[in-house]
Amino acid sequence: ERLALEEVEKKEAEIAKIRAESTATKELLRASELLLETEKRNAEAARSINNTNTDKDSRNVDNYSTNNDYVSSLQQEIQKLQFEKSQEEETRKKMEQKYQVALKSSSKELKRSK
């Protein structure tokens, strides 16, 4: 009887050990699954951030290009206005010279007629 009782106790101890190992294995498996899920979410978040940054970079390049086009058009407009201003200045000087010539001429005419 005693041997049989010891044998039963050994078997119960083995079963308890297996259950404990099984529980620990299940907990380890669950922790591993949670870690894997977390790593998947992190990878997806990183991919999403990368895509967002790529979209932002693309928009920034588009904005930069648009801004450069706008700056270029403003520079062309400034050059055009500067050219027009210089043309107007030349025209004004010529008109002023003609006026001075006409003024001298009429001054001479006036003196002669006196």
N, C-alpha and C. Protein backbone atom coordinates (compact mmCIF):
# COMPACT_ATOMS: atom_id res chain seq x y z
N GLU A 1 0.81 -1.20 0.00
CA GLU A 1 0.00 0.00 0.00
C GLU A 1 0.85 1.26 0.00
N ARG A 2 1.89 1.19 0.82
CA ARG A 2 2.74 2.37 0.95
C ARG A 2 3.41 2.69 -0.38
N LEU A 3 3.89 1.70 -1.07
CA LEU A 3 4.51 1.92 -2.38
C LEU A 3 3.49 2.47 -3.37
N ALA A 4 2.34 1.92 -3.30
CA ALA A 4 1.29 2.39 -4.20
C ALA A 4 0.94 3.84 -3.87
N LEU A 5 0.90 4.18 -2.61
CA LEU A 5 0.59 5.55 -2.19
C LEU A 5 1.70 6.50 -2.64
N GLU A 6 2.96 6.10 -2.48
CA GLU A 6 4.09 6.91 -2.94
C GLU A 6 4.05 7.10 -4.46
N GLU A 7 3.68 6.01 -5.13
CA GLU A 7 3.58 6.07 -6.60
C GLU A 7 2.49 7.06 -7.02
N VAL A 8 1.39 7.04 -6.33
CA VAL A 8 0.29 7.98 -6.62
C VAL A 8 0.75 9.41 -6.35
N GLU A 9 1.46 9.63 -5.24
CA GLU A 9 1.96 10.96 -4.91
C GLU A 9 2.97 11.45 -5.96
N LYS A 10 3.82 10.52 -6.42
CA LYS A 10 4.78 10.89 -7.48
C LYS A 10 4.03 11.32 -8.74
N LYS A 11 3.03 10.50 -9.10
CA LYS A 11 2.25 10.81 -10.31
C LYS A 11 1.54 12.15 -10.15
N GLU A 12 0.98 12.41 -8.96
CA GLU A 12 0.31 13.69 -8.72
C GLU A 12 1.30 14.84 -8.79
N ALA A 13 2.50 14.65 -8.28
CA ALA A 13 3.54 15.67 -8.34
C ALA A 13 3.96 15.93 -9.78
N GLU A 14 4.09 14.86 -10.56
CA GLU A 14 4.42 15.02 -11.98
C GLU A 14 3.33 15.78 -12.72
N ILE A 15 2.09 15.40 -12.43
CA ILE A 15 0.95 16.08 -13.07
C ILE A 15 0.94 17.56 -12.68
N ALA A 16 1.17 17.86 -11.41
CA ALA A 16 1.21 19.25 -10.94
C ALA A 16 2.34 20.01 -11.63
N LYS A 17 3.49 19.34 -11.76
CA LYS A 17 4.64 19.96 -12.44
C LYS A 17 4.30 20.25 -13.90
N ILE A 18 3.67 19.26 -14.56
CA ILE A 18 3.30 19.44 -15.97
C ILE A 18 2.29 20.57 -16.11
N ARG A 19 1.32 20.60 -15.18
CA ARG A 19 0.32 21.69 -15.21
C ARG A 19 1.00 23.04 -15.01
N ALA A 20 1.93 23.11 -14.07
CA ALA A 20 2.65 24.37 -13.81
C ALA A 20 3.45 24.77 -15.04
N GLU A 21 4.14 23.79 -15.62
CA GLU A 21 4.92 24.09 -16.83
C GLU A 21 3.98 24.48 -17.96
N SER A 22 2.85 23.82 -18.05
CA SER A 22 1.88 24.12 -19.08
C SER A 22 1.34 25.54 -18.90
N THR A 23 1.05 25.89 -17.66
CA THR A 23 0.56 27.25 -17.37
C THR A 23 1.64 28.27 -17.72
N ALA A 24 2.88 27.99 -17.32
CA ALA A 24 3.98 28.91 -17.63
C ALA A 24 4.17 29.01 -19.14
N THR A 25 4.06 27.86 -19.82
CA THR A 25 4.21 27.86 -21.28
C THR A 25 3.08 28.67 -21.92
N LYS A 26 1.86 28.51 -21.42
CA LYS A 26 0.72 29.27 -21.94
C LYS A 26 0.93 30.77 -21.71
N GLU A 27 1.41 31.12 -20.52
CA GLU A 27 1.66 32.54 -20.22
C GLU A 27 2.77 33.09 -21.12
N LEU A 28 3.80 32.30 -21.32
CA LEU A 28 4.88 32.71 -22.21
C LEU A 28 4.38 32.87 -23.64
N LEU A 29 3.56 31.91 -24.06
CA LEU A 29 2.98 31.99 -25.40
C LEU A 29 2.11 33.24 -25.53
N ARG A 30 1.29 33.51 -24.53
CA ARG A 30 0.42 34.70 -24.57
C ARG A 30 1.26 35.98 -24.60
N ALA A 31 2.30 36.01 -23.78
CA ALA A 31 3.18 37.19 -23.76
C ALA A 31 3.87 37.36 -25.11
N SER A 32 4.27 36.25 -25.71
CA SER A 32 4.90 36.31 -27.04
C SER A 32 3.92 36.82 -28.09
N GLU A 33 2.67 36.36 -27.99
CA GLU A 33 1.65 36.82 -28.93
C GLU A 33 1.39 38.32 -28.76
N LEU A 34 1.32 38.77 -27.50
CA LEU A 34 1.13 40.20 -27.24
C LEU A 34 2.30 41.02 -27.78
N LEU A 35 3.50 40.51 -27.58
CA LEU A 35 4.69 41.19 -28.09
C LEU A 35 4.64 41.27 -29.62
N LEU A 36 4.27 40.17 -30.25
CA LEU A 36 4.17 40.14 -31.70
C LEU A 36 3.12 41.14 -32.19
N GLU A 37 1.96 41.17 -31.53
CA GLU A 37 0.91 42.13 -31.89
C GLU A 37 1.41 43.57 -31.76
N THR A 38 2.11 43.82 -30.65
CA THR A 38 2.66 45.16 -30.42
C THR A 38 3.67 45.52 -31.51
N GLU A 39 4.54 44.58 -31.85
CA GLU A 39 5.53 44.83 -32.91
C GLU A 39 4.84 45.08 -34.25
N LYS A 40 3.76 44.34 -34.52
CA LYS A 40 3.00 44.56 -35.76
C LYS A 40 2.40 45.96 -35.79
N ARG A 41 1.79 46.37 -34.64
CA ARG A 41 1.20 47.72 -34.57
C ARG A 41 2.28 48.79 -34.73
N ASN A 42 3.44 48.56 -34.09
CA ASN A 42 4.55 49.53 -34.22
C ASN A 42 5.03 49.62 -35.66
N ALA A 43 5.13 48.46 -36.33
CA ALA A 43 5.57 48.47 -37.73
C ALA A 43 4.55 49.20 -38.60
N GLU A 44 3.26 48.96 -38.33
CA GLU A 44 2.20 49.64 -39.10
C GLU A 44 2.23 51.15 -38.83
N ALA A 45 2.44 51.52 -37.57
CA ALA A 45 2.54 52.93 -37.22
C ALA A 45 3.74 53.58 -37.91
N ALA A 46 4.87 52.87 -37.92
CA ALA A 46 6.06 53.40 -38.59
C ALA A 46 5.81 53.56 -40.08
N ARG A 47 5.15 52.57 -40.68
CA ARG A 47 4.83 52.65 -42.11
C ARG A 47 3.89 53.83 -42.38
N SER A 48 2.90 54.00 -41.50
CA SER A 48 1.96 55.11 -41.65
C SER A 48 2.67 56.45 -41.51
N ILE A 49 3.57 56.54 -40.51
CA ILE A 49 4.34 57.78 -40.32
C ILE A 49 5.21 58.04 -41.54
N ASN A 50 5.85 56.99 -42.05
CA ASN A 50 6.70 57.13 -43.23
C ASN A 50 5.88 57.61 -44.43
N ASN A 51 4.70 57.00 -44.61
CA ASN A 51 3.84 57.42 -45.72
C ASN A 51 3.39 58.86 -45.55
N THR A 52 3.04 59.22 -44.31
CA THR A 52 2.63 60.60 -44.03
C THR A 52 3.78 61.55 -44.33
N ASN A 53 4.99 61.19 -43.88
CA ASN A 53 6.15 62.04 -44.13
C ASN A 53 6.44 62.13 -45.63
N THR A 54 6.28 61.01 -46.33
CA THR A 54 6.49 61.02 -47.78
C THR A 54 5.48 61.95 -48.45
N ASP A 55 4.22 61.87 -48.00
CA ASP A 55 3.20 62.76 -48.55
C ASP A 55 3.53 64.21 -48.24
N LYS A 56 3.99 64.46 -46.99
CA LYS A 56 4.36 65.83 -46.62
C LYS A 56 5.54 66.30 -47.45
N ASP A 57 6.54 65.41 -47.61
CA ASP A 57 7.71 65.78 -48.43
C ASP A 57 7.27 66.11 -49.84
N SER A 58 6.36 65.30 -50.38
CA SER A 58 5.87 65.52 -51.73
C SER A 58 5.14 66.86 -51.82
N ARG A 59 4.29 67.12 -50.80
CA ARG A 59 3.57 68.41 -50.79
C ARG A 59 4.56 69.56 -50.64
N ASN A 60 5.60 69.36 -49.81
CA ASN A 60 6.60 70.41 -49.63
C ASN A 60 7.33 70.68 -50.94
N VAL A 61 7.65 69.61 -51.68
CA VAL A 61 8.31 69.79 -52.98
C VAL A 61 7.38 70.54 -53.92
N ASP A 62 6.09 70.16 -53.92
CA ASP A 62 5.12 70.86 -54.76
C ASP A 62 5.01 72.33 -54.36
N ASN A 63 4.94 72.58 -53.04
CA ASN A 63 4.85 73.96 -52.56
C ASN A 63 6.11 74.73 -52.92
N TYR A 64 7.26 74.10 -52.78
CA TYR A 64 8.53 74.74 -53.11
C TYR A 64 8.54 75.12 -54.59
N SER A 65 8.11 74.18 -55.42
CA SER A 65 8.07 74.41 -56.86
C SER A 65 7.10 75.55 -57.19
N THR A 66 5.93 75.51 -56.56
CA THR A 66 4.94 76.56 -56.78
C THR A 66 5.49 77.91 -56.32
N ASN A 67 6.13 77.92 -55.15
CA ASN A 67 6.70 79.16 -54.64
C ASN A 67 7.80 79.67 -55.57
N ASN A 68 8.64 78.75 -56.08
CA ASN A 68 9.69 79.16 -57.01
C ASN A 68 9.09 79.75 -58.28
N ASP A 69 8.02 79.13 -58.79
CA ASP A 69 7.35 79.66 -59.97
C ASP A 69 6.81 81.06 -59.70
N TYR A 70 6.22 81.24 -58.51
CA TYR A 70 5.66 82.53 -58.15
C TYR A 70 6.77 83.58 -58.02
N VAL A 71 7.86 83.20 -57.36
CA VAL A 71 8.99 84.13 -57.22
C VAL A 71 9.53 84.50 -58.61
N SER A 72 9.65 83.51 -59.46
CA SER A 72 10.15 83.76 -60.81
C SER A 72 9.22 84.72 -61.57
N SER A 73 7.93 84.51 -61.45
CA SER A 73 6.99 85.40 -62.14
C SER A 73 7.06 86.82 -61.56
N LEU A 74 7.25 86.91 -60.24
CA LEU A 74 7.40 88.25 -59.63
C LEU A 74 8.67 88.93 -60.12
N GLN A 75 9.76 88.16 -60.23
CA GLN A 75 11.00 88.74 -60.72
C GLN A 75 10.84 89.23 -62.16
N GLN A 76 10.13 88.46 -62.98
CA GLN A 76 9.89 88.88 -64.36
C GLN A 76 9.04 90.15 -64.39
N GLU A 77 8.04 90.20 -63.53
CA GLU A 77 7.18 91.38 -63.46
C GLU A 77 7.98 92.61 -63.02
N ILE A 78 8.87 92.41 -62.05
CA ILE A 78 9.72 93.52 -61.58
C ILE A 78 10.62 94.00 -62.71
N GLN A 79 11.24 93.08 -63.44
CA GLN A 79 12.09 93.46 -64.56
C GLN A 79 11.30 94.24 -65.62
N LYS A 80 10.10 93.77 -65.89
CA LYS A 80 9.24 94.43 -66.87
C LYS A 80 8.92 95.85 -66.40
N LEU A 81 8.55 96.00 -65.13
CA LEU A 81 8.22 97.32 -64.60
C LEU A 81 9.45 98.24 -64.58
N GLN A 82 10.62 97.67 -64.25
CA GLN A 82 11.84 98.49 -64.26
C GLN A 82 12.15 98.97 -65.68
N PHE A 83 11.94 98.09 -66.66
CA PHE A 83 12.16 98.47 -68.06
C PHE A 83 11.19 99.58 -68.46
N GLU A 84 9.92 99.39 -68.10
CA GLU A 84 8.91 100.42 -68.43
C GLU A 84 9.24 101.74 -67.75
N LYS A 85 9.71 101.68 -66.52
CA LYS A 85 10.09 102.90 -65.80
C LYS A 85 11.24 103.60 -66.51
N SER A 86 12.25 102.81 -66.93
CA SER A 86 13.38 103.44 -67.62
C SER A 86 12.94 104.04 -68.95
N GLN A 87 12.02 103.38 -69.65
CA GLN A 87 11.50 103.92 -70.92
C GLN A 87 10.76 105.23 -70.66
N GLU A 88 9.93 105.24 -69.61
CA GLU A 88 9.20 106.46 -69.28
C GLU A 88 10.16 107.59 -68.90
N GLU A 89 11.23 107.24 -68.19
CA GLU A 89 12.22 108.24 -67.79
C GLU A 89 12.91 108.83 -69.01
N GLU A 90 13.27 107.96 -69.97
CA GLU A 90 13.88 108.45 -71.22
C GLU A 90 12.92 109.36 -71.98
N THR A 91 11.68 108.93 -72.06
CA THR A 91 10.67 109.74 -72.76
C THR A 91 10.51 111.09 -72.06
N ARG A 92 10.46 111.08 -70.73
CA ARG A 92 10.32 112.33 -69.97
C ARG A 92 11.50 113.25 -70.24
N LYS A 93 12.74 112.69 -70.26
CA LYS A 93 13.93 113.51 -70.51
C LYS A 93 13.88 114.12 -71.91
N LYS A 94 13.47 113.31 -72.88
CA LYS A 94 13.38 113.83 -74.25
C LYS A 94 12.35 114.95 -74.34
N MET A 95 11.21 114.74 -73.68
CA MET A 95 10.18 115.78 -73.69
C MET A 95 10.68 117.05 -73.01
N GLU A 96 11.42 116.86 -71.92
CA GLU A 96 11.97 118.00 -71.19
C GLU A 96 12.97 118.76 -72.07
N GLN A 97 13.81 118.00 -72.81
CA GLN A 97 14.76 118.65 -73.72
C GLN A 97 14.01 119.43 -74.81
N LYS A 98 12.98 118.82 -75.38
CA LYS A 98 12.19 119.51 -76.40
C LYS A 98 11.55 120.77 -75.83
N TYR A 99 11.07 120.65 -74.59
CA TYR A 99 10.45 121.81 -73.94
C TYR A 99 11.48 122.92 -73.76
N GLN A 100 12.70 122.54 -73.31
CA GLN A 100 13.76 123.54 -73.11
C GLN A 100 14.13 124.21 -74.44
N VAL A 101 14.22 123.38 -75.50
CA VAL A 101 14.54 123.93 -76.82
C VAL A 101 13.42 124.88 -77.26
N ALA A 102 12.17 124.45 -77.07
CA ALA A 102 11.04 125.30 -77.46
C ALA A 102 11.00 126.56 -76.62
N LEU A 103 11.31 126.47 -75.36
CA LEU A 103 11.31 127.63 -74.48
C LEU A 103 12.38 128.63 -74.91
N LYS A 104 13.57 128.14 -75.23
CA LYS A 104 14.64 129.03 -75.69
C LYS A 104 14.25 129.68 -77.00
N SER A 105 13.68 128.87 -77.87
CA SER A 105 13.28 129.37 -79.17
C SER A 105 12.22 130.46 -79.02
N SER A 106 11.22 130.21 -78.19
CA SER A 106 10.18 131.23 -78.04
C SER A 106 10.71 132.44 -77.28
N SER A 107 11.70 132.24 -76.41
CA SER A 107 12.31 133.36 -75.71
C SER A 107 13.05 134.25 -76.71
N LYS A 108 13.75 133.63 -77.67
CA LYS A 108 14.45 134.39 -78.70
C LYS A 108 13.47 135.14 -79.58
N GLU A 109 12.36 134.46 -79.94
CA GLU A 109 11.32 135.08 -80.77
C GLU A 109 10.72 136.28 -80.05
N LEU A 110 10.50 136.11 -78.77
CA LEU A 110 9.92 137.19 -77.97
C LEU A 110 10.87 138.38 -77.93
N LYS A 111 12.17 138.12 -77.77
CA LYS A 111 13.13 139.19 -77.73
C LYS A 111 13.22 139.92 -79.07
N ARG A 112 13.13 139.15 -80.17
CA ARG A 112 13.21 139.75 -81.49
C ARG A 112 11.99 140.64 -81.75
N SER A 113 10.84 140.15 -81.28
CA SER A 113 9.63 140.91 -81.57
C SER A 113 9.57 142.20 -80.74
N LYS A 114 10.32 142.32 -79.68
CA LYS A 114 10.34 143.54 -78.87
C LYS A 114 11.14 144.53 -79.61
